């Protein structure tokens, strides 16, 4: 059996090399979310709202701007980054959670209609456009 012996400072070297990539990924994701959540939808324009609502499958349409205002990034102590609606940026509106997870009966957003939820963060997680943009941004590091 062969045993792999790592350099004593392998963990620190790996962290030093990964941090720029993690930061680029976080920043690109933030830019992407700000773009997607700052658009009108292609659905019905309800009275009293500034923009048409989104249709199922679209990112939520910008209405009050509260969700957009709380988007940010933060580096955690272990070197990882978080991206999304952060109270450290601005107060996160209840809609941020309710758009993503409308199922609990206490949800402030009623999605019992056939129109469904508007999950924005999980949609971004699987969005091929975001993946391509992250790859392109990472290529600039090399």
N, C-alpha and C. Protein backbone atom coordinates (compact mmCIF):
# COMPACT_ATOMS: atom_id res chain seq x y z
N UNK A 1 0.85 -1.17 0.00
CA UNK A 1 0.00 0.00 0.00
C UNK A 1 0.89 1.24 0.00
N UNK A 2 0.55 2.20 -0.87
CA UNK A 2 1.30 3.44 -0.96
C UNK A 2 0.61 4.50 -0.12
N UNK A 3 1.42 5.23 0.64
CA UNK A 3 0.89 6.30 1.48
C UNK A 3 1.30 7.64 0.88
N UNK A 4 0.33 8.50 0.74
CA UNK A 4 0.58 9.84 0.23
C UNK A 4 0.94 10.75 1.39
N UNK A 5 2.10 11.35 1.28
CA UNK A 5 2.53 12.24 2.35
C UNK A 5 2.48 13.67 1.81
N UNK A 6 1.66 14.51 2.45
CA UNK A 6 1.49 15.88 2.02
C UNK A 6 2.55 16.79 2.64
N UNK A 7 2.86 17.84 1.94
CA UNK A 7 3.78 18.85 2.45
C UNK A 7 3.15 19.44 3.72
N UNK A 8 3.96 19.79 4.71
CA UNK A 8 3.41 20.29 5.98
C UNK A 8 2.50 21.51 5.83
N UNK A 9 2.77 22.36 4.85
CA UNK A 9 1.91 23.54 4.69
C UNK A 9 0.99 23.41 3.47
N UNK A 10 0.63 22.18 3.11
CA UNK A 10 -0.23 21.95 1.94
C UNK A 10 -1.58 22.64 2.09
N UNK A 11 -2.13 22.58 3.29
CA UNK A 11 -3.44 23.21 3.51
C UNK A 11 -3.37 24.72 3.27
N UNK A 12 -2.35 25.37 3.76
CA UNK A 12 -2.19 26.81 3.58
C UNK A 12 -1.93 27.16 2.11
N UNK A 13 -1.14 26.37 1.44
CA UNK A 13 -0.88 26.62 0.02
C UNK A 13 -2.15 26.47 -0.80
N UNK A 14 -2.92 25.45 -0.50
CA UNK A 14 -4.18 25.22 -1.21
C UNK A 14 -5.14 26.38 -0.97
N UNK A 15 -5.25 26.81 0.28
CA UNK A 15 -6.11 27.95 0.61
C UNK A 15 -5.70 29.19 -0.15
N UNK A 16 -4.41 29.47 -0.21
CA UNK A 16 -3.89 30.66 -0.91
C UNK A 16 -4.24 30.62 -2.40
N UNK A 17 -4.21 29.44 -2.98
CA UNK A 17 -4.51 29.33 -4.41
C UNK A 17 -6.01 29.33 -4.70
N UNK A 18 -6.79 28.81 -3.77
CA UNK A 18 -8.22 28.74 -4.00
C UNK A 18 -8.96 30.04 -3.68
N UNK A 19 -8.45 30.82 -2.75
CA UNK A 19 -9.16 32.03 -2.34
C UNK A 19 -9.48 32.98 -3.50
N UNK A 20 -8.54 33.28 -4.40
CA UNK A 20 -8.90 34.16 -5.52
C UNK A 20 -10.02 33.58 -6.38
N UNK A 21 -10.02 32.27 -6.58
CA UNK A 21 -11.06 31.65 -7.39
C UNK A 21 -12.41 31.71 -6.68
N UNK A 22 -12.42 31.46 -5.39
CA UNK A 22 -13.68 31.52 -4.63
C UNK A 22 -14.24 32.94 -4.63
N UNK A 23 -13.37 33.92 -4.50
CA UNK A 23 -13.82 35.31 -4.50
C UNK A 23 -14.40 35.70 -5.87
N UNK A 24 -13.74 35.28 -6.93
CA UNK A 24 -14.24 35.56 -8.29
C UNK A 24 -15.61 34.91 -8.49
N UNK A 25 -15.76 33.69 -8.02
CA UNK A 25 -17.04 32.99 -8.16
C UNK A 25 -18.15 33.72 -7.39
N UNK A 26 -17.83 34.17 -6.19
CA UNK A 26 -18.82 34.90 -5.38
C UNK A 26 -19.21 36.21 -6.06
N UNK A 27 -18.23 36.96 -6.54
CA UNK A 27 -18.52 38.25 -7.17
C UNK A 27 -19.31 38.07 -8.46
N UNK A 28 -18.96 37.09 -9.26
CA UNK A 28 -19.68 36.85 -10.51
C UNK A 28 -21.12 36.43 -10.23
N UNK A 29 -21.33 35.63 -9.21
CA UNK A 29 -22.67 35.22 -8.83
C UNK A 29 -23.49 36.41 -8.36
N UNK A 30 -22.87 37.30 -7.59
CA UNK A 30 -23.57 38.50 -7.13
C UNK A 30 -23.98 39.39 -8.30
N UNK A 31 -23.08 39.60 -9.24
CA UNK A 31 -23.38 40.41 -10.42
C UNK A 31 -24.54 39.79 -11.20
N UNK A 32 -24.49 38.49 -11.37
CA UNK A 32 -25.53 37.75 -12.09
C UNK A 32 -26.89 37.92 -11.40
N UNK A 33 -26.93 37.72 -10.07
CA UNK A 33 -28.19 37.85 -9.34
C UNK A 33 -28.74 39.27 -9.43
N UNK A 34 -27.87 40.25 -9.32
CA UNK A 34 -28.33 41.64 -9.42
C UNK A 34 -28.95 41.92 -10.79
N UNK A 35 -28.35 41.38 -11.83
CA UNK A 35 -28.90 41.57 -13.17
C UNK A 35 -30.26 40.88 -13.31
N UNK A 36 -30.34 39.63 -12.89
CA UNK A 36 -31.56 38.85 -13.07
C UNK A 36 -32.72 39.38 -12.23
N UNK A 37 -32.43 39.89 -11.03
CA UNK A 37 -33.49 40.35 -10.13
C UNK A 37 -33.81 41.83 -10.32
N UNK A 38 -33.21 42.46 -11.30
CA UNK A 38 -33.45 43.88 -11.56
C UNK A 38 -34.18 44.05 -12.90
N UNK A 39 -35.01 43.10 -13.25
CA UNK A 39 -35.72 43.14 -14.53
C UNK A 39 -37.22 42.99 -14.30
N UNK A 40 -38.00 43.54 -15.23
CA UNK A 40 -39.44 43.26 -15.15
C UNK A 40 -39.69 41.83 -15.64
N UNK A 41 -40.81 41.29 -15.25
CA UNK A 41 -41.17 39.97 -15.75
C UNK A 41 -41.90 40.08 -17.08
N UNK A 42 -42.31 38.94 -17.59
CA UNK A 42 -43.05 38.95 -18.85
C UNK A 42 -44.49 38.53 -18.64
N UNK A 43 -44.93 38.61 -17.38
CA UNK A 43 -46.31 38.22 -17.05
C UNK A 43 -47.25 39.41 -16.99
N UNK A 44 -48.26 39.27 -16.19
CA UNK A 44 -49.31 40.28 -16.04
C UNK A 44 -48.77 41.49 -15.28
N UNK A 45 -49.16 42.67 -15.74
CA UNK A 45 -48.80 43.90 -15.04
C UNK A 45 -49.97 44.27 -14.13
N UNK A 46 -49.83 43.90 -12.86
CA UNK A 46 -50.90 44.13 -11.89
C UNK A 46 -50.94 45.60 -11.50
N UNK A 47 -52.14 46.14 -11.28
CA UNK A 47 -52.27 47.53 -10.85
C UNK A 47 -51.51 47.78 -9.54
N UNK A 48 -50.84 48.89 -9.47
CA UNK A 48 -50.10 49.26 -8.27
C UNK A 48 -48.67 48.77 -8.23
N UNK A 49 -48.28 47.93 -9.16
CA UNK A 49 -46.90 47.44 -9.21
C UNK A 49 -46.16 48.16 -10.33
N UNK A 50 -44.89 48.46 -10.12
CA UNK A 50 -44.16 49.21 -11.15
C UNK A 50 -43.82 48.40 -12.39
N UNK A 51 -43.72 47.08 -12.26
CA UNK A 51 -43.32 46.24 -13.39
C UNK A 51 -44.27 45.07 -13.57
N UNK A 52 -44.31 44.51 -14.77
CA UNK A 52 -45.07 43.27 -14.95
C UNK A 52 -44.47 42.17 -14.07
N UNK A 53 -45.32 41.30 -13.58
CA UNK A 53 -44.86 40.18 -12.75
C UNK A 53 -44.16 39.15 -13.61
N UNK A 54 -43.44 38.27 -12.95
CA UNK A 54 -42.75 37.20 -13.67
C UNK A 54 -43.72 36.06 -13.95
N UNK A 55 -43.41 35.28 -14.94
CA UNK A 55 -44.14 34.06 -15.25
C UNK A 55 -43.44 32.89 -14.58
N UNK A 56 -44.13 31.77 -14.42
CA UNK A 56 -43.46 30.59 -13.85
C UNK A 56 -42.20 30.26 -14.64
N UNK A 57 -41.15 29.94 -13.90
CA UNK A 57 -39.87 29.59 -14.52
C UNK A 57 -38.94 30.78 -14.68
N UNK A 58 -39.45 31.99 -14.52
CA UNK A 58 -38.60 33.18 -14.61
C UNK A 58 -38.07 33.57 -13.24
N UNK A 59 -37.03 34.36 -13.23
CA UNK A 59 -36.60 34.97 -11.98
C UNK A 59 -37.68 35.94 -11.54
N UNK A 60 -37.82 36.18 -10.24
CA UNK A 60 -38.84 37.12 -9.79
C UNK A 60 -38.62 38.50 -10.42
N UNK A 61 -39.72 39.14 -10.78
CA UNK A 61 -39.63 40.47 -11.36
C UNK A 61 -39.31 41.49 -10.27
N UNK A 62 -38.60 42.53 -10.63
CA UNK A 62 -38.30 43.60 -9.67
C UNK A 62 -39.58 44.40 -9.44
N UNK A 63 -39.93 44.53 -8.17
CA UNK A 63 -41.09 45.33 -7.82
C UNK A 63 -40.68 46.42 -6.83
N UNK A 64 -40.41 46.07 -5.59
CA UNK A 64 -40.04 47.09 -4.60
C UNK A 64 -38.55 47.37 -4.59
N UNK A 65 -37.75 46.42 -5.01
CA UNK A 65 -36.30 46.57 -4.95
C UNK A 65 -35.70 46.11 -3.64
N UNK A 66 -36.54 45.66 -2.70
CA UNK A 66 -36.03 45.24 -1.38
C UNK A 66 -35.15 43.99 -1.48
N UNK A 67 -35.52 43.05 -2.32
CA UNK A 67 -34.69 41.84 -2.49
C UNK A 67 -33.35 42.22 -3.12
N UNK A 68 -33.41 43.05 -4.12
CA UNK A 68 -32.19 43.49 -4.79
C UNK A 68 -31.25 44.23 -3.83
N UNK A 69 -31.83 45.02 -2.94
CA UNK A 69 -31.04 45.85 -2.02
C UNK A 69 -30.25 45.03 -1.00
N UNK A 70 -30.71 43.82 -0.69
CA UNK A 70 -30.03 43.04 0.35
C UNK A 70 -29.05 42.01 -0.22
N UNK A 71 -28.87 41.99 -1.53
CA UNK A 71 -27.93 41.03 -2.12
C UNK A 71 -26.50 41.42 -1.81
N UNK A 72 -25.71 40.44 -1.47
CA UNK A 72 -24.30 40.71 -1.19
C UNK A 72 -23.50 39.43 -1.07
N UNK A 73 -22.23 39.60 -0.76
CA UNK A 73 -21.32 38.48 -0.53
C UNK A 73 -20.65 38.68 0.82
N UNK A 74 -20.20 37.60 1.40
CA UNK A 74 -19.44 37.67 2.65
C UNK A 74 -18.49 36.48 2.70
N UNK A 75 -17.28 36.75 3.14
CA UNK A 75 -16.31 35.67 3.32
C UNK A 75 -16.44 35.14 4.74
N UNK A 76 -16.59 33.85 4.85
CA UNK A 76 -16.70 33.22 6.16
C UNK A 76 -15.31 32.99 6.73
N UNK A 77 -15.24 32.73 8.00
CA UNK A 77 -13.94 32.58 8.66
C UNK A 77 -13.14 31.40 8.13
N UNK A 78 -13.82 30.38 7.62
CA UNK A 78 -13.09 29.21 7.12
C UNK A 78 -12.64 29.38 5.67
N UNK A 79 -12.82 30.58 5.11
CA UNK A 79 -12.35 30.84 3.75
C UNK A 79 -13.41 30.69 2.69
N UNK A 80 -14.57 30.14 3.06
CA UNK A 80 -15.66 30.01 2.10
C UNK A 80 -16.41 31.32 1.98
N UNK A 81 -17.19 31.44 0.91
CA UNK A 81 -17.97 32.65 0.67
C UNK A 81 -19.45 32.29 0.63
N UNK A 82 -20.28 33.24 1.04
CA UNK A 82 -21.72 33.12 0.88
C UNK A 82 -22.19 34.25 -0.04
N UNK A 83 -23.19 33.94 -0.83
CA UNK A 83 -23.77 34.90 -1.76
C UNK A 83 -25.28 34.79 -1.66
N UNK A 84 -25.95 35.92 -1.58
CA UNK A 84 -27.41 35.89 -1.54
C UNK A 84 -27.96 37.06 -0.78
N UNK A 85 -29.13 36.86 -0.18
CA UNK A 85 -29.79 37.88 0.60
C UNK A 85 -29.17 37.88 2.00
N UNK A 86 -28.49 38.96 2.33
CA UNK A 86 -27.75 39.03 3.59
C UNK A 86 -28.23 40.21 4.43
N UNK A 87 -28.57 39.94 5.68
CA UNK A 87 -28.96 41.01 6.59
C UNK A 87 -27.82 41.97 6.86
N UNK A 88 -26.59 41.54 6.65
CA UNK A 88 -25.44 42.42 6.86
C UNK A 88 -25.37 43.51 5.78
N UNK A 89 -26.08 43.33 4.68
CA UNK A 89 -26.12 44.31 3.59
C UNK A 89 -27.31 45.24 3.78
N UNK A 90 -28.48 44.68 3.95
CA UNK A 90 -29.73 45.39 4.21
C UNK A 90 -30.71 44.39 4.77
N UNK A 91 -31.76 44.88 5.40
CA UNK A 91 -32.76 43.96 5.95
C UNK A 91 -33.33 43.08 4.84
N UNK A 92 -33.27 41.79 5.08
CA UNK A 92 -33.78 40.83 4.09
C UNK A 92 -35.30 40.79 4.21
N UNK A 93 -36.00 41.08 3.12
CA UNK A 93 -37.46 41.04 3.18
C UNK A 93 -37.97 39.61 3.28
N UNK A 94 -39.15 39.44 3.86
CA UNK A 94 -39.72 38.10 4.00
C UNK A 94 -39.90 37.45 2.64
N UNK A 95 -40.08 38.25 1.60
CA UNK A 95 -40.26 37.69 0.26
C UNK A 95 -39.04 36.91 -0.22
N UNK A 96 -37.86 37.26 0.26
CA UNK A 96 -36.65 36.55 -0.16
C UNK A 96 -36.77 35.07 0.16
N UNK A 97 -37.25 34.76 1.33
CA UNK A 97 -37.45 33.37 1.74
C UNK A 97 -38.71 32.80 1.11
N UNK A 98 -39.78 33.58 1.13
CA UNK A 98 -41.08 33.08 0.67
C UNK A 98 -41.10 32.80 -0.83
N UNK A 99 -40.36 33.56 -1.62
CA UNK A 99 -40.30 33.28 -3.05
C UNK A 99 -39.60 31.95 -3.32
N UNK A 100 -38.60 31.66 -2.51
CA UNK A 100 -37.84 30.42 -2.66
C UNK A 100 -38.58 29.22 -2.06
N UNK A 101 -39.18 29.42 -0.89
CA UNK A 101 -39.83 28.34 -0.15
C UNK A 101 -41.26 28.75 0.23
N UNK A 102 -42.22 28.67 -0.68
CA UNK A 102 -43.57 29.15 -0.39
C UNK A 102 -44.48 28.13 0.30
N UNK A 103 -43.97 26.98 0.65
CA UNK A 103 -44.82 25.89 1.13
C UNK A 103 -45.38 26.06 2.54
N UNK A 104 -44.63 26.56 3.52
CA UNK A 104 -45.20 26.57 4.87
C UNK A 104 -46.51 27.36 4.91
N UNK A 105 -47.47 26.90 5.70
CA UNK A 105 -48.75 27.61 5.77
C UNK A 105 -48.59 29.02 6.31
N UNK A 106 -47.52 29.30 7.03
CA UNK A 106 -47.30 30.63 7.58
C UNK A 106 -46.56 31.55 6.62
N UNK A 107 -46.30 31.08 5.41
CA UNK A 107 -45.57 31.88 4.43
C UNK A 107 -46.33 33.16 4.11
N UNK A 108 -45.64 34.31 4.10
CA UNK A 108 -46.32 35.57 3.79
C UNK A 108 -46.68 35.71 2.32
N UNK A 109 -46.16 34.83 1.48
CA UNK A 109 -46.48 34.86 0.06
C UNK A 109 -47.34 33.65 -0.25
N UNK A 110 -48.54 33.87 -0.71
CA UNK A 110 -49.46 32.78 -1.01
C UNK A 110 -49.17 32.25 -2.41
N UNK A 111 -48.69 31.04 -2.50
CA UNK A 111 -48.43 30.42 -3.79
C UNK A 111 -49.28 29.18 -3.98
N UNK A 112 -50.50 29.21 -3.44
CA UNK A 112 -51.41 28.08 -3.60
C UNK A 112 -52.07 28.10 -4.98
N UNK A 113 -51.74 29.10 -5.78
CA UNK A 113 -52.32 29.21 -7.12
C UNK A 113 -51.54 28.33 -8.08
N UNK A 114 -52.04 28.10 -9.27
CA UNK A 114 -51.32 27.28 -10.23
C UNK A 114 -50.07 27.98 -10.79
N UNK A 115 -49.86 29.22 -10.41
CA UNK A 115 -48.72 29.96 -10.96
C UNK A 115 -47.39 29.58 -10.33
N UNK A 116 -47.42 29.05 -9.12
CA UNK A 116 -46.21 28.54 -8.50
C UNK A 116 -45.29 29.59 -7.91
N UNK A 117 -44.20 29.12 -7.34
CA UNK A 117 -43.22 29.97 -6.68
C UNK A 117 -42.28 30.59 -7.71
N UNK A 118 -41.41 31.45 -7.22
CA UNK A 118 -40.38 32.06 -8.06
C UNK A 118 -39.03 31.87 -7.37
N UNK A 119 -38.58 30.61 -7.28
CA UNK A 119 -37.29 30.37 -6.60
C UNK A 119 -36.17 31.05 -7.37
N UNK A 120 -35.48 31.95 -6.72
CA UNK A 120 -34.45 32.73 -7.39
C UNK A 120 -33.06 32.22 -7.09
N UNK A 121 -32.80 31.77 -5.89
CA UNK A 121 -31.46 31.32 -5.55
C UNK A 121 -31.20 29.91 -6.07
N UNK A 122 -32.16 29.01 -5.91
CA UNK A 122 -31.95 27.66 -6.44
C UNK A 122 -31.96 27.68 -7.97
N UNK A 123 -32.72 28.60 -8.57
CA UNK A 123 -32.70 28.74 -10.03
C UNK A 123 -31.31 29.17 -10.50
N UNK A 124 -30.72 30.13 -9.80
CA UNK A 124 -29.38 30.59 -10.17
C UNK A 124 -28.36 29.47 -10.00
N UNK A 125 -28.52 28.66 -8.97
CA UNK A 125 -27.59 27.57 -8.69
C UNK A 125 -27.46 26.63 -9.89
N UNK A 126 -28.56 26.39 -10.59
CA UNK A 126 -28.53 25.48 -11.73
C UNK A 126 -28.54 26.17 -13.08
N UNK A 127 -28.36 27.49 -13.11
CA UNK A 127 -28.47 28.24 -14.35
C UNK A 127 -27.22 28.09 -15.22
N UNK A 128 -27.34 27.52 -16.42
CA UNK A 128 -26.18 27.34 -17.30
C UNK A 128 -25.49 28.67 -17.67
N UNK A 129 -26.27 29.74 -17.73
CA UNK A 129 -25.68 31.05 -18.04
C UNK A 129 -24.72 31.47 -16.92
N UNK A 130 -25.13 31.29 -15.68
CA UNK A 130 -24.24 31.62 -14.56
C UNK A 130 -23.01 30.73 -14.58
N UNK A 131 -23.19 29.45 -14.83
CA UNK A 131 -22.04 28.53 -14.89
C UNK A 131 -21.03 28.98 -15.94
N UNK A 132 -21.52 29.37 -17.10
CA UNK A 132 -20.63 29.82 -18.18
C UNK A 132 -19.91 31.11 -17.77
N UNK A 133 -20.62 32.00 -17.12
CA UNK A 133 -19.99 33.26 -16.70
C UNK A 133 -18.93 33.02 -15.63
N UNK A 134 -19.18 32.09 -14.73
CA UNK A 134 -18.18 31.76 -13.70
C UNK A 134 -16.95 31.14 -14.36
N UNK A 135 -17.15 30.22 -15.29
CA UNK A 135 -16.01 29.61 -16.00
C UNK A 135 -15.19 30.68 -16.71
N UNK A 136 -15.86 31.60 -17.38
CA UNK A 136 -15.15 32.67 -18.10
C UNK A 136 -14.38 33.54 -17.12
N UNK A 137 -14.98 33.85 -15.98
CA UNK A 137 -14.30 34.69 -14.99
C UNK A 137 -13.09 33.95 -14.41
N UNK A 138 -13.24 32.65 -14.18
CA UNK A 138 -12.11 31.88 -13.65
C UNK A 138 -10.97 31.78 -14.65
N UNK A 139 -11.30 31.74 -15.93
CA UNK A 139 -10.27 31.68 -16.97
C UNK A 139 -9.40 32.93 -16.98
N UNK A 140 -9.92 34.04 -16.51
CA UNK A 140 -9.11 35.27 -16.47
C UNK A 140 -8.06 35.20 -15.37
N UNK A 141 -8.23 34.30 -14.40
CA UNK A 141 -7.25 34.15 -13.32
C UNK A 141 -6.00 33.42 -13.77
N UNK A 142 -6.13 32.62 -14.82
CA UNK A 142 -5.00 31.78 -15.22
C UNK A 142 -3.98 32.55 -16.03
